[in-house]
């Protein structure tokens, strides 16, 4: 349990910064595309879902960049611990990350 908390503060702050920075960017686009998918007629649902998943993938990529940049400052087992903590926290915060 101590290892899970080792990076919890820094991860929370990183995700908070991401949420603020992307509130009118990627995260807004996720909500917009999800809404379009939810409202899509049967014929357009597949395309709307594809658009939604494209933006979810863009968020995943941006978060992975953030995670990787910080992980480069760590050594040894700390890298894996940090990456696992980051992934757990991001998926908990944004369940649609899957």
PDB file of N, CA and C in Angstrom:
ATOM      1  N   UNK A   1       0.809  -1.193   0.000  1.00  0.00           N
ATOM      2  CA  UNK A   1       0.000   0.000   0.000  1.00  0.00           C
ATOM      3  C   UNK A   1       0.858   1.266   0.000  1.00  0.00           C
ATOM      4  N   UNK A   2       1.988   1.224   0.617  1.00  0.00           N
ATOM      5  CA  UNK A   2       2.843   2.411   0.672  1.00  0.00           C
ATOM      6  C   UNK A   2       3.307   2.838  -0.717  1.00  0.00           C
ATOM      7  N   UNK A   3       3.533   1.882  -1.626  1.00  0.00           N
ATOM      8  CA  UNK A   3       3.999   2.229  -2.963  1.00  0.00           C
ATOM      9  C   UNK A   3       2.909   2.915  -3.778  1.00  0.00           C
ATOM     10  N   UNK A   4       1.664   2.538  -3.559  1.00  0.00           N
ATOM     11  CA  UNK A   4       0.581   3.174  -4.292  1.00  0.00           C
ATOM     12  C   UNK A   4       0.472   4.644  -3.924  1.00  0.00           C
ATOM     13  N   UNK A   5       0.798   4.971  -2.711  1.00  0.00           N
ATOM     14  CA  UNK A   5       0.686   6.348  -2.261  1.00  0.00           C
ATOM     15  C   UNK A   5       1.947   7.150  -2.535  1.00  0.00           C
ATOM     16  N   UNK A   6       3.003   6.483  -2.877  1.00  0.00           N
ATOM     17  CA  UNK A   6       4.275   7.151  -3.099  1.00  0.00           C
ATOM     18  C   UNK A   6       4.163   8.260  -4.135  1.00  0.00           C
ATOM     19  N   UNK A   7       3.404   8.008  -5.182  1.00  0.00           N
ATOM     20  CA  UNK A   7       3.265   8.974  -6.263  1.00  0.00           C
ATOM     21  C   UNK A   7       1.874   9.591  -6.347  1.00  0.00           C
ATOM     22  N   UNK A   8       1.020   9.291  -5.404  1.00  0.00           N
ATOM     23  CA  UNK A   8      -0.370   9.747  -5.505  1.00  0.00           C
ATOM     24  C   UNK A   8      -0.494  11.267  -5.573  1.00  0.00           C
ATOM     25  N   UNK A   9       0.306  11.992  -4.790  1.00  0.00           N
ATOM     26  CA  UNK A   9       0.204  13.450  -4.797  1.00  0.00           C
ATOM     27  C   UNK A   9       0.658  14.041  -6.123  1.00  0.00           C
ATOM     28  N   UNK A  10       1.791  13.600  -6.620  1.00  0.00           N
ATOM     29  CA  UNK A  10       2.291  14.145  -7.883  1.00  0.00           C
ATOM     30  C   UNK A  10       1.367  13.767  -9.038  1.00  0.00           C
ATOM     31  N   UNK A  11       0.851  12.550  -9.034  1.00  0.00           N
ATOM     32  CA  UNK A  11      -0.060  12.121 -10.100  1.00  0.00           C
ATOM     33  C   UNK A  11      -1.344  12.949 -10.048  1.00  0.00           C
ATOM     34  N   UNK A  12      -1.883  13.153  -8.863  1.00  0.00           N
ATOM     35  CA  UNK A  12      -3.103  13.962  -8.733  1.00  0.00           C
ATOM     36  C   UNK A  12      -2.871  15.360  -9.286  1.00  0.00           C
ATOM     37  N   UNK A  13      -1.741  15.959  -8.937  1.00  0.00           N
ATOM     38  CA  UNK A  13      -1.446  17.305  -9.432  1.00  0.00           C
ATOM     39  C   UNK A  13      -1.264  17.320 -10.946  1.00  0.00           C
ATOM     40  N   UNK A  14      -0.615  16.295 -11.482  1.00  0.00           N
ATOM     41  CA  UNK A  14      -0.445  16.223 -12.936  1.00  0.00           C
ATOM     42  C   UNK A  14      -1.796  16.121 -13.639  1.00  0.00           C
ATOM     43  N   UNK A  15      -2.672  15.261 -13.120  1.00  0.00           N
ATOM     44  CA  UNK A  15      -3.980  15.102 -13.742  1.00  0.00           C
ATOM     45  C   UNK A  15      -4.840  16.354 -13.572  1.00  0.00           C
ATOM     46  N   UNK A  16      -4.684  17.040 -12.447  1.00  0.00           N
ATOM     47  CA  UNK A  16      -5.395  18.315 -12.258  1.00  0.00           C
ATOM     48  C   UNK A  16      -4.946  19.342 -13.297  1.00  0.00           C
ATOM     49  N   UNK A  17      -3.641  19.423 -13.522  1.00  0.00           N
ATOM     50  CA  UNK A  17      -3.106  20.354 -14.529  1.00  0.00           C
ATOM     51  C   UNK A  17      -3.633  19.982 -15.910  1.00  0.00           C
ATOM     52  N   UNK A  18      -3.609  18.709 -16.232  1.00  0.00           N
ATOM     53  CA  UNK A  18      -4.116  18.252 -17.527  1.00  0.00           C
ATOM     54  C   UNK A  18      -5.588  18.631 -17.681  1.00  0.00           C
ATOM     55  N   UNK A  19      -6.375  18.414 -16.631  1.00  0.00           N
ATOM     56  CA  UNK A  19      -7.806  18.719 -16.683  1.00  0.00           C
ATOM     57  C   UNK A  19      -8.046  20.206 -16.938  1.00  0.00           C
ATOM     58  N   UNK A  20      -7.275  21.056 -16.303  1.00  0.00           N
ATOM     59  CA  UNK A  20      -7.422  22.496 -16.513  1.00  0.00           C
ATOM     60  C   UNK A  20      -6.947  22.876 -17.915  1.00  0.00           C
ATOM     61  N   UNK A  21      -5.764  22.404 -18.289  1.00  0.00           N
ATOM     62  CA  UNK A  21      -5.205  22.751 -19.594  1.00  0.00           C
ATOM     63  C   UNK A  21      -6.087  22.287 -20.750  1.00  0.00           C
ATOM     64  N   UNK A  22      -6.728  21.152 -20.592  1.00  0.00           N
ATOM     65  CA  UNK A  22      -7.515  20.569 -21.687  1.00  0.00           C
ATOM     66  C   UNK A  22      -9.023  20.720 -21.506  1.00  0.00           C
ATOM     67  N   UNK A  23      -9.442  21.540 -20.535  1.00  0.00           N
ATOM     68  CA  UNK A  23     -10.875  21.694 -20.280  1.00  0.00           C
ATOM     69  C   UNK A  23     -11.618  22.251 -21.489  1.00  0.00           C
ATOM     70  N   UNK A  24     -10.949  23.076 -22.280  1.00  0.00           N
ATOM     71  CA  UNK A  24     -11.560  23.614 -23.496  1.00  0.00           C
ATOM     72  C   UNK A  24     -10.947  22.998 -24.747  1.00  0.00           C
ATOM     73  N   UNK A  25     -10.131  21.987 -24.553  1.00  0.00           N
ATOM     74  CA  UNK A  25      -9.460  21.323 -25.668  1.00  0.00           C
ATOM     75  C   UNK A  25      -9.909  19.883 -25.791  1.00  0.00           C
ATOM     76  N   UNK A  26      -8.976  18.973 -25.563  1.00  0.00           N
ATOM     77  CA  UNK A  26      -9.249  17.546 -25.746  1.00  0.00           C
ATOM     78  C   UNK A  26     -10.417  17.040 -24.902  1.00  0.00           C
ATOM     79  N   UNK A  27     -10.471  17.442 -23.643  1.00  0.00           N
ATOM     80  CA  UNK A  27     -11.549  16.931 -22.780  1.00  0.00           C
ATOM     81  C   UNK A  27     -12.910  17.453 -23.226  1.00  0.00           C
ATOM     82  N   UNK A  28     -12.955  18.691 -23.686  1.00  0.00           N
ATOM     83  CA  UNK A  28     -14.207  19.227 -24.223  1.00  0.00           C
ATOM     84  C   UNK A  28     -14.616  18.456 -25.480  1.00  0.00           C
ATOM     85  N   UNK A  29     -13.626  18.125 -26.297  1.00  0.00           N
ATOM     86  CA  UNK A  29     -13.914  17.358 -27.516  1.00  0.00           C
ATOM     87  C   UNK A  29     -14.441  15.968 -27.196  1.00  0.00           C
ATOM     88  N   UNK A  30     -13.905  15.341 -26.153  1.00  0.00           N
ATOM     89  CA  UNK A  30     -14.411  14.018 -25.748  1.00  0.00           C
ATOM     90  C   UNK A  30     -15.893  14.116 -25.433  1.00  0.00           C
ATOM     91  N   UNK A  31     -16.252  15.093 -24.627  1.00  0.00           N
ATOM     92  CA  UNK A  31     -17.667  15.235 -24.240  1.00  0.00           C
ATOM     93  C   UNK A  31     -18.546  15.575 -25.443  1.00  0.00           C
ATOM     94  N   UNK A  32     -18.025  16.401 -26.338  1.00  0.00           N
ATOM     95  CA  UNK A  32     -18.767  16.746 -27.541  1.00  0.00           C
ATOM     96  C   UNK A  32     -18.984  15.511 -28.421  1.00  0.00           C
ATOM     97  N   UNK A  33     -17.923  14.751 -28.663  1.00  0.00           N
ATOM     98  CA  UNK A  33     -18.038  13.561 -29.511  1.00  0.00           C
ATOM     99  C   UNK A  33     -18.904  12.477 -28.871  1.00  0.00           C
ATOM    100  N   UNK A  34     -18.825  12.347 -27.561  1.00  0.00           N
ATOM    101  CA  UNK A  34     -19.677  11.365 -26.871  1.00  0.00           C
ATOM    102  C   UNK A  34     -21.132  11.762 -27.025  1.00  0.00           C
ATOM    103  N   UNK A  35     -21.415  13.049 -26.886  1.00  0.00           N
ATOM    104  CA  UNK A  35     -22.781  13.528 -27.084  1.00  0.00           C
ATOM    105  C   UNK A  35     -23.288  13.268 -28.491  1.00  0.00           C
ATOM    106  N   UNK A  36     -22.428  13.510 -29.483  1.00  0.00           N
ATOM    107  CA  UNK A  36     -22.819  13.236 -30.875  1.00  0.00           C
ATOM    108  C   UNK A  36     -23.084  11.755 -31.083  1.00  0.00           C
ATOM    109  N   UNK A  37     -22.258  10.918 -30.491  1.00  0.00           N
ATOM    110  CA  UNK A  37     -22.467   9.469 -30.599  1.00  0.00           C
ATOM    111  C   UNK A  37     -23.777   9.068 -29.933  1.00  0.00           C
ATOM    112  N   UNK A  38     -24.019   9.587 -28.745  1.00  0.00           N
ATOM    113  CA  UNK A  38     -25.259   9.254 -28.019  1.00  0.00           C
ATOM    114  C   UNK A  38     -26.504   9.698 -28.774  1.00  0.00           C
ATOM    115  N   UNK A  39     -26.409  10.793 -29.516  1.00  0.00           N
ATOM    116  CA  UNK A  39     -27.562  11.318 -30.260  1.00  0.00           C
ATOM    117  C   UNK A  39     -27.643  10.798 -31.693  1.00  0.00           C
ATOM    118  N   UNK A  40     -26.648  10.072 -32.138  1.00  0.00           N
ATOM    119  CA  UNK A  40     -26.586   9.635 -33.536  1.00  0.00           C
ATOM    120  C   UNK A  40     -27.707   8.646 -33.858  1.00  0.00           C
ATOM    121  N   UNK A  41     -28.224   8.805 -35.047  1.00  0.00           N
ATOM    122  CA  UNK A  41     -29.179   7.829 -35.574  1.00  0.00           C
ATOM    123  C   UNK A  41     -28.421   6.548 -35.885  1.00  0.00           C
ATOM    124  N   UNK A  42     -29.146   5.508 -36.048  1.00  0.00           N
ATOM    125  CA  UNK A  42     -28.535   4.195 -36.290  1.00  0.00           C
ATOM    126  C   UNK A  42     -27.533   4.211 -37.444  1.00  0.00           C
ATOM    127  N   UNK A  43     -27.871   4.895 -38.514  1.00  0.00           N
ATOM    128  CA  UNK A  43     -27.012   4.915 -39.690  1.00  0.00           C
ATOM    129  C   UNK A  43     -25.688   5.642 -39.428  1.00  0.00           C
ATOM    130  N   UNK A  44     -25.692   6.637 -38.572  1.00  0.00           N
ATOM    131  CA  UNK A  44     -24.489   7.412 -38.321  1.00  0.00           C
ATOM    132  C   UNK A  44     -23.751   7.032 -37.056  1.00  0.00           C
ATOM    133  N   UNK A  45     -24.273   6.045 -36.329  1.00  0.00           N
ATOM    134  CA  UNK A  45     -23.699   5.697 -35.025  1.00  0.00           C
ATOM    135  C   UNK A  45     -22.269   5.160 -35.145  1.00  0.00           C
ATOM    136  N   UNK A  46     -22.016   4.366 -36.163  1.00  0.00           N
ATOM    137  CA  UNK A  46     -20.677   3.791 -36.296  1.00  0.00           C
ATOM    138  C   UNK A  46     -19.636   4.875 -36.540  1.00  0.00           C
ATOM    139  N   UNK A  47     -19.942   5.801 -37.413  1.00  0.00           N
ATOM    140  CA  UNK A  47     -19.018   6.898 -37.680  1.00  0.00           C
ATOM    141  C   UNK A  47     -18.831   7.798 -36.471  1.00  0.00           C
ATOM    142  N   UNK A  48     -19.928   8.064 -35.759  1.00  0.00           N
ATOM    143  CA  UNK A  48     -19.845   8.901 -34.557  1.00  0.00           C
ATOM    144  C   UNK A  48     -19.021   8.210 -33.480  1.00  0.00           C
ATOM    145  N   UNK A  49     -19.173   6.896 -33.368  1.00  0.00           N
ATOM    146  CA  UNK A  49     -18.378   6.156 -32.381  1.00  0.00           C
ATOM    147  C   UNK A  49     -16.898   6.204 -32.753  1.00  0.00           C
ATOM    148  N   UNK A  50     -16.598   6.077 -34.029  1.00  0.00           N
ATOM    149  CA  UNK A  50     -15.209   6.164 -34.494  1.00  0.00           C
ATOM    150  C   UNK A  50     -14.598   7.523 -34.171  1.00  0.00           C
ATOM    151  N   UNK A  51     -15.377   8.589 -34.379  1.00  0.00           N
ATOM    152  CA  UNK A  51     -14.901   9.936 -34.047  1.00  0.00           C
ATOM    153  C   UNK A  51     -14.650  10.066 -32.548  1.00  0.00           C
ATOM    154  N   UNK A  52     -15.555   9.517 -31.758  1.00  0.00           N
ATOM    155  CA  UNK A  52     -15.411   9.541 -30.300  1.00  0.00           C
ATOM    156  C   UNK A  52     -14.146   8.793 -29.878  1.00  0.00           C
ATOM    157  N   UNK A  53     -13.931   7.615 -30.430  1.00  0.00           N
ATOM    158  CA  UNK A  53     -12.758   6.826 -30.057  1.00  0.00           C
ATOM    159  C   UNK A  53     -11.458   7.496 -30.516  1.00  0.00           C
ATOM    160  N   UNK A  54     -11.502   8.211 -31.634  1.00  0.00           N
ATOM    161  CA  UNK A  54     -10.315   8.939 -32.096  1.00  0.00           C
ATOM    162  C   UNK A  54      -9.888   9.989 -31.075  1.00  0.00           C
ATOM    163  N   UNK A  55     -10.848  10.712 -30.516  1.00  0.00           N
ATOM    164  CA  UNK A  55     -10.495  11.747 -29.547  1.00  0.00           C
ATOM    165  C   UNK A  55     -10.093  11.123 -28.215  1.00  0.00           C
ATOM    166  N   UNK A  56     -10.710  10.003 -27.845  1.00  0.00           N
ATOM    167  CA  UNK A  56     -10.280   9.283 -26.635  1.00  0.00           C
ATOM    168  C   UNK A  56      -8.824   8.843 -26.811  1.00  0.00           C
ATOM    169  N   UNK A  57      -8.481   8.347 -27.982  1.00  0.00           N
ATOM    170  CA  UNK A  57      -7.093   7.952 -28.252  1.00  0.00           C
ATOM    171  C   UNK A  57      -6.147   9.149 -28.182  1.00  0.00           C
ATOM    172  N   UNK A  58      -6.603  10.315 -28.628  1.00  0.00           N
ATOM    173  CA  UNK A  58      -5.773  11.511 -28.549  1.00  0.00           C
ATOM    174  C   UNK A  58      -5.512  11.892 -27.086  1.00  0.00           C
ATOM    175  N   UNK A  59      -6.515  11.738 -26.241  1.00  0.00           N
ATOM    176  CA  UNK A  59      -6.332  11.999 -24.807  1.00  0.00           C
ATOM    177  C   UNK A  59      -5.351  10.996 -24.220  1.00  0.00           C
ATOM    178  N   UNK A  60      -5.511   9.728 -24.573  1.00  0.00           N
ATOM    179  CA  UNK A  60      -4.583   8.699 -24.091  1.00  0.00           C
ATOM    180  C   UNK A  60      -3.150   9.026 -24.484  1.00  0.00           C
ATOM    181  N   UNK A  61      -2.960   9.478 -25.726  1.00  0.00           N
ATOM    182  CA  UNK A  61      -1.619   9.832 -26.197  1.00  0.00           C
ATOM    183  C   UNK A  61      -1.048  11.015 -25.421  1.00  0.00           C
ATOM    184  N   UNK A  62      -1.865  12.024 -25.179  1.00  0.00           N
ATOM    185  CA  UNK A  62      -1.406  13.205 -24.439  1.00  0.00           C
ATOM    186  C   UNK A  62      -1.036  12.831 -23.003  1.00  0.00           C
ATOM    187  N   UNK A  63      -1.855  11.985 -22.383  1.00  0.00           N
ATOM    188  CA  UNK A  63      -1.545  11.535 -21.021  1.00  0.00           C
ATOM    189  C   UNK A  63      -0.283  10.678 -21.006  1.00  0.00           C
ATOM    190  N   UNK A  64      -0.113   9.844 -22.008  1.00  0.00           N
ATOM    191  CA  UNK A  64       1.088   9.003 -22.087  1.00  0.00           C
ATOM    192  C   UNK A  64       2.338   9.869 -22.233  1.00  0.00           C
ATOM    193  N   UNK A  65       2.242  10.953 -22.999  1.00  0.00           N
ATOM    194  CA  UNK A  65       3.377  11.879 -23.122  1.00  0.00           C
ATOM    195  C   UNK A  65       3.717  12.497 -21.772  1.00  0.00           C
ATOM    196  N   UNK A  66       2.698  12.932 -21.052  1.00  0.00           N
ATOM    197  CA  UNK A  66       2.915  13.524 -19.737  1.00  0.00           C
ATOM    198  C   UNK A  66       3.565  12.511 -18.798  1.00  0.00           C
ATOM    199  N   UNK A  67       3.018  11.301 -18.805  1.00  0.00           N
ATOM    200  CA  UNK A  67       3.541  10.230 -17.948  1.00  0.00           C
ATOM    201  C   UNK A  67       4.996   9.913 -18.300  1.00  0.00           C
ATOM    202  N   UNK A  68       5.296   9.807 -19.568  1.00  0.00           N
ATOM    203  CA  UNK A  68       6.642   9.447 -20.011  1.00  0.00           C
ATOM    204  C   UNK A  68       7.669  10.517 -19.665  1.00  0.00           C
ATOM    205  N   UNK A  69       7.286  11.783 -19.829  1.00  0.00           N
ATOM    206  CA  UNK A  69       8.232  12.864 -19.508  1.00  0.00           C
ATOM    207  C   UNK A  69       8.626  12.816 -18.039  1.00  0.00           C
ATOM    208  N   UNK A  70       7.661  12.603 -17.153  1.00  0.00           N
ATOM    209  CA  UNK A  70       7.996  12.538 -15.733  1.00  0.00           C
ATOM    210  C   UNK A  70       8.757  11.256 -15.416  1.00  0.00           C
ATOM    211  N   UNK A  71       8.365  10.161 -16.016  1.00  0.00           N
ATOM    212  CA  UNK A  71       9.021   8.874 -15.747  1.00  0.00           C
ATOM    213  C   UNK A  71      10.504   8.921 -16.098  1.00  0.00           C
ATOM    214  N   UNK A  72      10.875   9.741 -17.058  1.00  0.00           N
ATOM    215  CA  UNK A  72      12.284   9.869 -17.440  1.00  0.00           C
ATOM    216  C   UNK A  72      13.136  10.455 -16.318  1.00  0.00           C
ATOM    217  N   UNK A  73      12.502  11.097 -15.356  1.00  0.00           N
ATOM    218  CA  UNK A  73      13.253  11.674 -14.236  1.00  0.00           C
ATOM    219  C   UNK A  73      13.470  10.666 -13.117  1.00  0.00           C
ATOM    220  N   UNK A  74      12.878   9.480 -13.257  1.00  0.00           N
ATOM    221  CA  UNK A  74      12.946   8.452 -12.214  1.00  0.00           C
ATOM    222  C   UNK A  74      13.931   7.368 -12.594  1.00  0.00           C
ATOM    223  N   UNK A  75      14.266   6.557 -11.615  1.00  0.00           N
ATOM    224  CA  UNK A  75      15.182   5.446 -11.857  1.00  0.00           C
ATOM    225  C   UNK A  75      14.620   4.155 -11.272  1.00  0.00           C
ATOM    226  N   UNK A  76      15.056   3.049 -11.846  1.00  0.00           N
ATOM    227  CA  UNK A  76      14.767   1.727 -11.306  1.00  0.00           C
ATOM    228  C   UNK A  76      13.288   1.414 -11.185  1.00  0.00           C
ATOM    229  N   UNK A  77      12.937   0.765 -10.071  1.00  0.00           N
ATOM    230  CA  UNK A  77      11.567   0.333  -9.838  1.00  0.00           C
ATOM    231  C   UNK A  77      10.589   1.492  -9.718  1.00  0.00           C
ATOM    232  N   UNK A  78      11.097   2.668  -9.417  1.00  0.00           N
ATOM    233  CA  UNK A  78      10.231   3.835  -9.270  1.00  0.00           C
ATOM    234  C   UNK A  78       9.473   4.127 -10.564  1.00  0.00           C
ATOM    235  N   UNK A  79      10.090   3.834 -11.696  1.00  0.00           N
ATOM    236  CA  UNK A  79       9.434   4.090 -12.986  1.00  0.00           C
ATOM    237  C   UNK A  79       8.160   3.269 -13.088  1.00  0.00           C
ATOM    238  N   UNK A  80       8.241   1.988 -12.845  1.00  0.00           N
ATOM    239  CA  UNK A  80       7.065   1.118 -12.945  1.00  0.00           C
ATOM    240  C   UNK A  80       6.005   1.489 -11.917  1.00  0.00           C
ATOM    241  N   UNK A  81       6.434   1.822 -10.713  1.00  0.00           N
ATOM    242  CA  UNK A  81       5.486   2.212  -9.667  1.00  0.00           C
ATOM    243  C   UNK A  81       4.735   3.473 -10.061  1.00  0.00           C
ATOM    244  N   UNK A  82       5.484   4.447 -10.556  1.00  0.00           N
ATOM    245  CA  UNK A  82       4.876   5.702 -10.979  1.00  0.00           C
ATOM    246  C   UNK A  82       3.911   5.477 -12.145  1.00  0.00           C
ATOM    247  N   UNK A  83       4.347   4.746 -13.157  1.00  0.00           N
ATOM    248  CA  UNK A  83       3.497   4.521 -14.326  1.00  0.00           C
ATOM    249  C   UNK A  83       2.208   3.801 -13.942  1.00  0.00           C
ATOM    250  N   UNK A  84       2.303   2.822 -13.054  1.00  0.00           N
ATOM    251  CA  UNK A  84       1.107   2.108 -12.604  1.00  0.00           C
ATOM    252  C   UNK A  84       0.177   3.039 -11.828  1.00  0.00           C
ATOM    253  N   UNK A  85       0.742   3.863 -10.969  1.00  0.00           N
ATOM    254  CA  UNK A  85      -0.068   4.814 -10.203  1.00  0.00           C
ATOM    255  C   UNK A  85      -0.747   5.817 -11.128  1.00  0.00           C
ATOM    256  N   UNK A  86      -0.024   6.272 -12.133  1.00  0.00           N
ATOM    257  CA  UNK A  86      -0.575   7.230 -13.091  1.00  0.00           C
ATOM    258  C   UNK A  86      -1.742   6.604 -13.858  1.00  0.00           C
ATOM    259  N   UNK A  87      -1.535   5.403 -14.365  1.00  0.00           N
ATOM    260  CA  UNK A  87      -2.586   4.731 -15.139  1.00  0.00           C
ATOM    261  C   UNK A  87      -3.842   4.502 -14.297  1.00  0.00           C
ATOM    262  N   UNK A  88      -3.650   4.020 -13.072  1.00  0.00           N
ATOM    263  CA  UNK A  88      -4.799   3.792 -12.186  1.00  0.00           C
ATOM    264  C   UNK A  88      -5.568   5.086 -11.934  1.00  0.00           C
ATOM    265  N   UNK A  89      -4.844   6.136 -11.612  1.00  0.00           N
ATOM    266  CA  UNK A  89      -5.489   7.408 -11.292  1.00  0.00           C
ATOM    267  C   UNK A  89      -6.195   8.007 -12.510  1.00  0.00           C
ATOM    268  N   UNK A  90      -5.578   7.927 -13.670  1.00  0.00           N
ATOM    269  CA  UNK A  90      -6.196   8.472 -14.882  1.00  0.00           C
ATOM    270  C   UNK A  90      -7.465   7.708 -15.236  1.00  0.00           C
ATOM    271  N   UNK A  91      -7.421   6.394 -15.147  1.00  0.00           N
ATOM    272  CA  UNK A  91      -8.608   5.586 -15.464  1.00  0.00           C
ATOM    273  C   UNK A  91      -9.707   5.765 -14.426  1.00  0.00           C
ATOM    274  N   UNK A  92      -9.324   5.997 -13.197  1.00  0.00           N
ATOM    275  CA  UNK A  92     -10.316   6.255 -12.154  1.00  0.00           C
ATOM    276  C   UNK A  92     -10.984   7.610 -12.386  1.00  0.00           C
ATOM    277  N   UNK A  93     -10.205   8.586 -12.796  1.00  0.00           N
ATOM    278  CA  UNK A  93     -10.734   9.932 -12.999  1.00  0.00           C
ATOM    279  C   UNK A  93     -11.578  10.030 -14.266  1.00  0.00           C
ATOM    280  N   UNK A  94     -11.112   9.405 -15.330  1.00  0.00           N
ATOM    281  CA  UNK A  94     -11.817   9.428 -16.612  1.00  0.00           C
ATOM    282  C   UNK A  94     -12.101   7.991 -17.021  1.00  0.00           C
ATOM    283  N   UNK A  95     -13.200   7.468 -16.550  1.00  0.00           N
ATOM    284  CA  UNK A  95     -13.553   6.057 -16.767  1.00  0.00           C
ATOM    285  C   UNK A  95     -13.599   5.679 -18.245  1.00  0.00           C
ATOM    286  N   UNK A  96     -13.903   6.631 -19.096  1.00  0.00           N
ATOM    287  CA  UNK A  96     -13.989   6.338 -20.522  1.00  0.00           C
ATOM    288  C   UNK A  96     -12.630   6.034 -21.144  1.00  0.00           C
ATOM    289  N   UNK A  97     -11.549   6.192 -20.388  1.00  0.00           N
ATOM    290  CA  UNK A  97     -10.235   5.805 -20.908  1.00  0.00           C
ATOM    291  C   UNK A  97     -10.117   4.294 -21.060  1.00  0.00           C
ATOM    292  N   UNK A  98     -10.997   3.593 -20.378  1.00  0.00           N
ATOM    293  CA  UNK A  98     -11.051   2.138 -20.486  1.00  0.00           C
ATOM    294  C   UNK A  98      -9.998   1.476 -19.769  1.00  0.00           C
TER     295      UNK A  98
END
